[in-house]
């Protein structure tokens, strides 16, 4: 399995994906880019919206 073929590498590639905060955190959806350092996300369970570090989002696992 080649993870790099499907893994997002930039903030723009994260938009529309569902991820979890760390291995066991709640699911969030990346809805837009803010700048190169942050993306805007919505926490699925609560509807909370926040700006989240792009680097962290790239490292968070995809939600299934």
PDB file of N, CA and C in Angstrom:
ATOM      1  N   UNK A   1       0.851  -1.180   0.000  1.00  0.00           N
ATOM      2  CA  UNK A   1       0.000   0.000   0.000  1.00  0.00           C
ATOM      3  C   UNK A   1       0.887   1.229   0.000  1.00  0.00           C
ATOM      4  N   UNK A   2       0.615   2.159  -0.893  1.00  0.00           N
ATOM      5  CA  UNK A   2       1.397   3.380  -0.998  1.00  0.00           C
ATOM      6  C   UNK A   2       0.593   4.536  -0.429  1.00  0.00           C
ATOM      7  N   UNK A   3       0.835   4.883   0.825  1.00  0.00           N
ATOM      8  CA  UNK A   3       0.055   5.907   1.516  1.00  0.00           C
ATOM      9  C   UNK A   3       0.257   7.292   0.908  1.00  0.00           C
ATOM     10  N   UNK A   4       1.423   7.562   0.364  1.00  0.00           N
ATOM     11  CA  UNK A   4       1.689   8.889  -0.168  1.00  0.00           C
ATOM     12  C   UNK A   4       0.864   9.189  -1.410  1.00  0.00           C
ATOM     13  N   UNK A   5       0.365   8.178  -2.095  1.00  0.00           N
ATOM     14  CA  UNK A   5      -0.430   8.414  -3.297  1.00  0.00           C
ATOM     15  C   UNK A   5      -1.771   9.069  -2.956  1.00  0.00           C
ATOM     16  N   UNK A   6      -2.307   8.809  -1.766  1.00  0.00           N
ATOM     17  CA  UNK A   6      -3.610   9.357  -1.402  1.00  0.00           C
ATOM     18  C   UNK A   6      -3.552  10.332  -0.228  1.00  0.00           C
ATOM     19  N   UNK A   7      -2.446  10.419   0.459  1.00  0.00           N
ATOM     20  CA  UNK A   7      -2.334  11.298   1.620  1.00  0.00           C
ATOM     21  C   UNK A   7      -2.182  12.747   1.189  1.00  0.00           C
ATOM     22  N   UNK A   8      -2.984  13.649   1.771  1.00  0.00           N
ATOM     23  CA  UNK A   8      -2.835  15.073   1.455  1.00  0.00           C
ATOM     24  C   UNK A   8      -1.453  15.577   1.856  1.00  0.00           C
ATOM     25  N   UNK A   9      -0.904  16.465   1.057  1.00  0.00           N
ATOM     26  CA  UNK A   9       0.416  17.022   1.340  1.00  0.00           C
ATOM     27  C   UNK A   9       0.382  18.536   1.503  1.00  0.00           C
ATOM     28  N   UNK A  10      -0.743  19.157   1.149  1.00  0.00           N
ATOM     29  CA  UNK A  10      -0.876  20.608   1.276  1.00  0.00           C
ATOM     30  C   UNK A  10      -2.216  20.944   1.923  1.00  0.00           C
ATOM     31  N   UNK A  11      -2.352  22.174   2.370  1.00  0.00           N
ATOM     32  CA  UNK A  11      -3.603  22.625   2.978  1.00  0.00           C
ATOM     33  C   UNK A  11      -4.760  22.482   1.999  1.00  0.00           C
ATOM     34  N   UNK A  12      -4.547  22.833   0.725  1.00  0.00           N
ATOM     35  CA  UNK A  12      -5.620  22.751  -0.274  1.00  0.00           C
ATOM     36  C   UNK A  12      -6.090  21.314  -0.456  1.00  0.00           C
ATOM     37  N   UNK A  13      -5.192  20.352  -0.377  1.00  0.00           N
ATOM     38  CA  UNK A  13      -5.561  18.940  -0.541  1.00  0.00           C
ATOM     39  C   UNK A  13      -6.344  18.413   0.665  1.00  0.00           C
ATOM     40  N   UNK A  14      -6.264  19.090   1.801  1.00  0.00           N
ATOM     41  CA  UNK A  14      -7.010  18.686   2.997  1.00  0.00           C
ATOM     42  C   UNK A  14      -8.491  19.049   2.912  1.00  0.00           C
ATOM     43  N   UNK A  15      -8.820  20.090   2.152  1.00  0.00           N
ATOM     44  CA  UNK A  15     -10.201  20.582   2.095  1.00  0.00           C
ATOM     45  C   UNK A  15     -11.134  19.459   1.645  1.00  0.00           C
ATOM     46  N   UNK A  16     -12.197  19.267   2.438  1.00  0.00           N
ATOM     47  CA  UNK A  16     -13.184  18.241   2.151  1.00  0.00           C
ATOM     48  C   UNK A  16     -12.926  16.918   2.844  1.00  0.00           C
ATOM     49  N   UNK A  17     -11.762  16.763   3.460  1.00  0.00           N
ATOM     50  CA  UNK A  17     -11.454  15.502   4.134  1.00  0.00           C
ATOM     51  C   UNK A  17     -11.974  15.507   5.555  1.00  0.00           C
ATOM     52  N   UNK A  18     -12.225  14.312   6.065  1.00  0.00           N
ATOM     53  CA  UNK A  18     -12.621  14.111   7.457  1.00  0.00           C
ATOM     54  C   UNK A  18     -11.459  13.458   8.169  1.00  0.00           C
ATOM     55  N   UNK A  19     -11.073  14.017   9.321  1.00  0.00           N
ATOM     56  CA  UNK A  19      -9.919  13.533  10.061  1.00  0.00           C
ATOM     57  C   UNK A  19     -10.283  13.472  11.539  1.00  0.00           C
ATOM     58  N   UNK A  20      -9.420  12.882  12.358  1.00  0.00           N
ATOM     59  CA  UNK A  20      -9.640  12.889  13.804  1.00  0.00           C
ATOM     60  C   UNK A  20      -8.489  13.612  14.476  1.00  0.00           C
ATOM     61  N   UNK A  21      -8.804  14.275  15.592  1.00  0.00           N
ATOM     62  CA  UNK A  21      -7.764  14.932  16.386  1.00  0.00           C
ATOM     63  C   UNK A  21      -6.941  13.833  17.044  1.00  0.00           C
ATOM     64  N   UNK A  22      -5.767  13.559  16.528  1.00  0.00           N
ATOM     65  CA  UNK A  22      -4.951  12.470  17.053  1.00  0.00           C
ATOM     66  C   UNK A  22      -5.599  11.124  16.743  1.00  0.00           C
ATOM     67  N   UNK A  23      -5.123  10.087  17.402  1.00  0.00           N
ATOM     68  CA  UNK A  23      -5.620   8.739  17.129  1.00  0.00           C
ATOM     69  C   UNK A  23      -7.016   8.479  17.677  1.00  0.00           C
ATOM     70  N   UNK A  24      -7.417   9.179  18.725  1.00  0.00           N
ATOM     71  CA  UNK A  24      -8.676   8.840  19.396  1.00  0.00           C
ATOM     72  C   UNK A  24      -9.618  10.021  19.588  1.00  0.00           C
ATOM     73  N   UNK A  25      -9.295  11.154  19.001  1.00  0.00           N
ATOM     74  CA  UNK A  25     -10.111  12.350  19.196  1.00  0.00           C
ATOM     75  C   UNK A  25     -11.343  12.374  18.319  1.00  0.00           C
ATOM     76  N   UNK A  26     -12.156  13.425  18.478  1.00  0.00           N
ATOM     77  CA  UNK A  26     -13.365  13.555  17.669  1.00  0.00           C
ATOM     78  C   UNK A  26     -13.043  13.814  16.197  1.00  0.00           C
ATOM     79  N   UNK A  27     -14.016  13.541  15.356  1.00  0.00           N
ATOM     80  CA  UNK A  27     -13.876  13.744  13.915  1.00  0.00           C
ATOM     81  C   UNK A  27     -14.120  15.206  13.572  1.00  0.00           C
ATOM     82  N   UNK A  28     -13.330  15.702  12.626  1.00  0.00           N
ATOM     83  CA  UNK A  28     -13.546  17.050  12.105  1.00  0.00           C
ATOM     84  C   UNK A  28     -13.442  17.024  10.594  1.00  0.00           C
ATOM     85  N   UNK A  29     -14.087  17.999   9.959  1.00  0.00           N
ATOM     86  CA  UNK A  29     -13.990  18.167   8.514  1.00  0.00           C
ATOM     87  C   UNK A  29     -13.219  19.440   8.220  1.00  0.00           C
ATOM     88  N   UNK A  30     -12.273  19.355   7.312  1.00  0.00           N
ATOM     89  CA  UNK A  30     -11.550  20.535   6.858  1.00  0.00           C
ATOM     90  C   UNK A  30     -12.412  21.205   5.795  1.00  0.00           C
ATOM     91  N   UNK A  31     -12.820  22.456   6.050  1.00  0.00           N
ATOM     92  CA  UNK A  31     -13.739  23.130   5.133  1.00  0.00           C
ATOM     93  C   UNK A  31     -13.076  24.183   4.253  1.00  0.00           C
ATOM     94  N   UNK A  32     -11.939  24.721   4.687  1.00  0.00           N
ATOM     95  CA  UNK A  32     -11.252  25.708   3.852  1.00  0.00           C
ATOM     96  C   UNK A  32      -9.846  25.943   4.374  1.00  0.00           C
ATOM     97  N   UNK A  33      -9.049  26.595   3.550  1.00  0.00           N
ATOM     98  CA  UNK A  33      -7.725  27.017   3.997  1.00  0.00           C
ATOM     99  C   UNK A  33      -7.847  28.430   4.557  1.00  0.00           C
ATOM    100  N   UNK A  34      -7.043  28.733   5.560  1.00  0.00           N
ATOM    101  CA  UNK A  34      -7.001  30.082   6.119  1.00  0.00           C
ATOM    102  C   UNK A  34      -5.777  30.791   5.546  1.00  0.00           C
ATOM    103  N   UNK A  35      -4.654  30.120   5.649  1.00  0.00           N
ATOM    104  CA  UNK A  35      -3.386  30.581   5.078  1.00  0.00           C
ATOM    105  C   UNK A  35      -2.487  29.346   5.034  1.00  0.00           C
ATOM    106  N   UNK A  36      -1.236  29.497   4.775  1.00  0.00           N
ATOM    107  CA  UNK A  36      -0.353  28.340   4.712  1.00  0.00           C
ATOM    108  C   UNK A  36      -0.181  27.633   6.043  1.00  0.00           C
ATOM    109  N   UNK A  37      -0.500  28.319   7.120  1.00  0.00           N
ATOM    110  CA  UNK A  37      -0.265  27.763   8.451  1.00  0.00           C
ATOM    111  C   UNK A  37      -1.508  27.153   9.101  1.00  0.00           C
ATOM    112  N   UNK A  38      -2.697  27.518   8.634  1.00  0.00           N
ATOM    113  CA  UNK A  38      -3.934  27.058   9.288  1.00  0.00           C
ATOM    114  C   UNK A  38      -4.996  26.687   8.267  1.00  0.00           C
ATOM    115  N   UNK A  39      -5.872  25.768   8.700  1.00  0.00           N
ATOM    116  CA  UNK A  39      -7.067  25.411   7.938  1.00  0.00           C
ATOM    117  C   UNK A  39      -8.269  25.634   8.845  1.00  0.00           C
ATOM    118  N   UNK A  40      -9.429  25.884   8.243  1.00  0.00           N
ATOM    119  CA  UNK A  40     -10.664  26.069   9.006  1.00  0.00           C
ATOM    120  C   UNK A  40     -11.378  24.728   9.057  1.00  0.00           C
ATOM    121  N   UNK A  41     -11.720  24.282  10.272  1.00  0.00           N
ATOM    122  CA  UNK A  41     -12.348  22.972  10.449  1.00  0.00           C
ATOM    123  C   UNK A  41     -13.647  23.110  11.230  1.00  0.00           C
ATOM    124  N   UNK A  42     -14.523  22.095  11.048  1.00  0.00           N
ATOM    125  CA  UNK A  42     -15.761  21.984  11.805  1.00  0.00           C
ATOM    126  C   UNK A  42     -15.740  20.639  12.510  1.00  0.00           C
ATOM    127  N   UNK A  43     -15.914  20.648  13.834  1.00  0.00           N
ATOM    128  CA  UNK A  43     -15.972  19.417  14.611  1.00  0.00           C
ATOM    129  C   UNK A  43     -17.351  18.803  14.367  1.00  0.00           C
ATOM    130  N   UNK A  44     -17.364  17.567  13.835  1.00  0.00           N
ATOM    131  CA  UNK A  44     -18.622  16.934  13.416  1.00  0.00           C
ATOM    132  C   UNK A  44     -19.596  16.783  14.581  1.00  0.00           C
ATOM    133  N   UNK A  45     -19.133  16.322  15.725  1.00  0.00           N
ATOM    134  CA  UNK A  45     -20.030  16.032  16.851  1.00  0.00           C
ATOM    135  C   UNK A  45     -20.667  17.279  17.453  1.00  0.00           C
ATOM    136  N   UNK A  46     -19.962  18.414  17.432  1.00  0.00           N
ATOM    137  CA  UNK A  46     -20.451  19.597  18.137  1.00  0.00           C
ATOM    138  C   UNK A  46     -20.809  20.774  17.222  1.00  0.00           C
ATOM    139  N   UNK A  47     -20.323  20.767  15.988  1.00  0.00           N
ATOM    140  CA  UNK A  47     -20.534  21.898  15.094  1.00  0.00           C
ATOM    141  C   UNK A  47     -19.577  23.048  15.347  1.00  0.00           C
ATOM    142  N   UNK A  48     -18.690  22.894  16.320  1.00  0.00           N
ATOM    143  CA  UNK A  48     -17.713  23.946  16.634  1.00  0.00           C
ATOM    144  C   UNK A  48     -16.816  24.185  15.424  1.00  0.00           C
ATOM    145  N   UNK A  49     -16.543  25.462  15.146  1.00  0.00           N
ATOM    146  CA  UNK A  49     -15.642  25.829  14.060  1.00  0.00           C
ATOM    147  C   UNK A  49     -14.392  26.464  14.642  1.00  0.00           C
ATOM    148  N   UNK A  50     -13.246  26.112  14.075  1.00  0.00           N
ATOM    149  CA  UNK A  50     -11.991  26.681  14.549  1.00  0.00           C
ATOM    150  C   UNK A  50     -10.937  26.619  13.470  1.00  0.00           C
ATOM    151  N   UNK A  51      -9.926  27.449  13.635  1.00  0.00           N
ATOM    152  CA  UNK A  51      -8.755  27.400  12.772  1.00  0.00           C
ATOM    153  C   UNK A  51      -7.738  26.491  13.443  1.00  0.00           C
ATOM    154  N   UNK A  52      -7.191  25.564  12.668  1.00  0.00           N
ATOM    155  CA  UNK A  52      -6.355  24.484  13.189  1.00  0.00           C
ATOM    156  C   UNK A  52      -5.061  24.457  12.396  1.00  0.00           C
ATOM    157  N   UNK A  53      -3.937  24.203  13.048  1.00  0.00           N
ATOM    158  CA  UNK A  53      -2.654  24.198  12.326  1.00  0.00           C
ATOM    159  C   UNK A  53      -2.635  23.179  11.177  1.00  0.00           C
ATOM    160  N   UNK A  54      -2.258  23.646  10.011  1.00  0.00           N
ATOM    161  CA  UNK A  54      -2.182  22.782   8.829  1.00  0.00           C
ATOM    162  C   UNK A  54      -1.273  21.592   9.070  1.00  0.00           C
ATOM    163  N   UNK A  55      -0.114  21.822   9.653  1.00  0.00           N
ATOM    164  CA  UNK A  55       0.840  20.732   9.885  1.00  0.00           C
ATOM    165  C   UNK A  55       0.224  19.637  10.748  1.00  0.00           C
ATOM    166  N   UNK A  56      -0.526  20.020  11.765  1.00  0.00           N
ATOM    167  CA  UNK A  56      -1.166  19.031  12.624  1.00  0.00           C
ATOM    168  C   UNK A  56      -2.239  18.267  11.859  1.00  0.00           C
ATOM    169  N   UNK A  57      -3.047  18.986  11.072  1.00  0.00           N
ATOM    170  CA  UNK A  57      -4.092  18.330  10.296  1.00  0.00           C
ATOM    171  C   UNK A  57      -3.498  17.322   9.309  1.00  0.00           C
ATOM    172  N   UNK A  58      -2.369  17.669   8.718  1.00  0.00           N
ATOM    173  CA  UNK A  58      -1.710  16.736   7.801  1.00  0.00           C
ATOM    174  C   UNK A  58      -1.256  15.468   8.528  1.00  0.00           C
ATOM    175  N   UNK A  59      -0.944  15.578   9.797  1.00  0.00           N
ATOM    176  CA  UNK A  59      -0.473  14.429  10.570  1.00  0.00           C
ATOM    177  C   UNK A  59      -1.612  13.634  11.215  1.00  0.00           C
ATOM    178  N   UNK A  60      -2.788  14.243  11.342  1.00  0.00           N
ATOM    179  CA  UNK A  60      -3.932  13.552  11.952  1.00  0.00           C
ATOM    180  C   UNK A  60      -4.420  12.456  11.007  1.00  0.00           C
ATOM    181  N   UNK A  61      -4.904  11.345  11.562  1.00  0.00           N
ATOM    182  CA  UNK A  61      -5.402  10.258  10.705  1.00  0.00           C
ATOM    183  C   UNK A  61      -6.739  10.593  10.062  1.00  0.00           C
ATOM    184  N   UNK A  62      -6.984   9.992   8.892  1.00  0.00           N
ATOM    185  CA  UNK A  62      -8.289  10.114   8.247  1.00  0.00           C
ATOM    186  C   UNK A  62      -9.327   9.408   9.099  1.00  0.00           C
ATOM    187  N   UNK A  63     -10.516   9.981   9.147  1.00  0.00           N
ATOM    188  CA  UNK A  63     -11.620   9.363   9.884  1.00  0.00           C
ATOM    189  C   UNK A  63     -12.299   8.348   8.974  1.00  0.00           C
ATOM    190  N   UNK A  64     -12.700   7.223   9.560  1.00  0.00           N
ATOM    191  CA  UNK A  64     -13.367   6.172   8.771  1.00  0.00           C
ATOM    192  C   UNK A  64     -14.737   5.907   9.299  1.00  0.00           C
TER     193      UNK A  64
END
